[in-house]
Amino acid sequence: MALAAAILFGASTPLAKIMLGQTGPWMLAGLLYLGAGLGLAAVRLSRSLWRRVPVEAPLRRADSGWLAAVVLSGGIAGPLLLMLGLQYSTGAEAALLLNLESVLTLGIAWLVFRENVDIRIGVGAAAIVVGAALLSWSTPSGGPGPGAALIAAACLCWAIDNNLSRRLSAADPLQIAMIKGLVAGSINFGLALLAGDRLPVASSVAASLVIGLFGYGISLVLFMLSLRHLGTARTGAYFSLAPFIGALLAVLFMQEPLSWRLVVAGLLMGIGLYLHLAERHSHAHRHEPAEHEHGHVHDAHHQHAHAPDDPPGEPHVHVHRHDAIAHAHPHFPDIHHRHDHMHG
């Protein structure tokens, strides 16, 4: 799911670059997220019409603060900064610079939220940083260009979004992505109109909405599911494939040059991605008692009794309790393995 999310988002970057020739950056940011929100709303409506039994936990009132922060950082600020940055960068350079998102996501997860990061992941992150810095240092004056700075700021917004989204990863990802798309898209769209932007021709609007549905909507749903199962840092690492997809498409289909900086940066980022993907993590650990709600089956971590009104079949959703348990097996920092680590 993380790799599929990366492919969809990576392909959207050079496509968004093409759309900037017909649409202003603020208007395009709004249309992309509106495409995500409206498309996912249609999916939710069709699901309800078919009367399918929900297998995901709905958002609760306690989630509203986290959701607002996610919409502000990742839905409003992030895409606007990216669209502005694309005006000063080639599609391939912008795509590879987006690797900074995974590194910043990992850094915040490690330093702020204390998610475990081993040496292999750290070295991989360093390789990605060096590759991104090589692409950033591209102006004749020898300093980072305005496009690189704006794209880096967008990556920081999305890194904050990714870490805050971890708090919501047990809830329905389709509902989260739909709300994020509708709210963020409407705000950016409205602000673009107030700033004097004009709505592009119908074909450009339709293309932007479709790009947004796949590159921002479906991609976000898959990303949220990955957060649930892999944790923030690992999901960000897998997601770092996205810029390679975007850069490859920009070179192959947009006639952008294959410069030496692009090749070297790509090799460095490829090394970092390999180190991330090859990680294995296993040790004895203890699960503290906990109670929460999410879609689940009765695996080793879900051996609990049911109330008479709990939904039948699997997977299903209900509030359930985890008793304390200690065992050892390969795992990632998913919603059931967010424990402290001892380093000796």
Foldseek 3Di string as FASTA:
>chain_A
DLLQLLLLQLQLQLVLLVLVVFFPQLQLLLLLLLLQQVVLVVVVVVCVVVPDADQWAADDPVCVVLLVLLLVLQRALLSSLLSVLSVVDAQLLLLLLLLLLLLLLQVCCCPPVVFDDDPLLVLLSVLSVVLNVLSQQDDPVRGGDSSSVSSNSSSNSVSVSLQSLLVVLQGQQSVSSNVSSNVSSVVSNVVCVVVPTDDGDPVSSVSSSVSSNRNRNVSSNVLSPCCQFANRNLSSLSSSCSSVSRNVCCVPPVVDDDDPSSVSSVVSNVSSSVSSVPDWDKDKDKFAKDKDKHFDDCDPFRDFDDDPPFDDDPRHIDIDMGHMDIDMDIGHCHPRNRDHDDDD
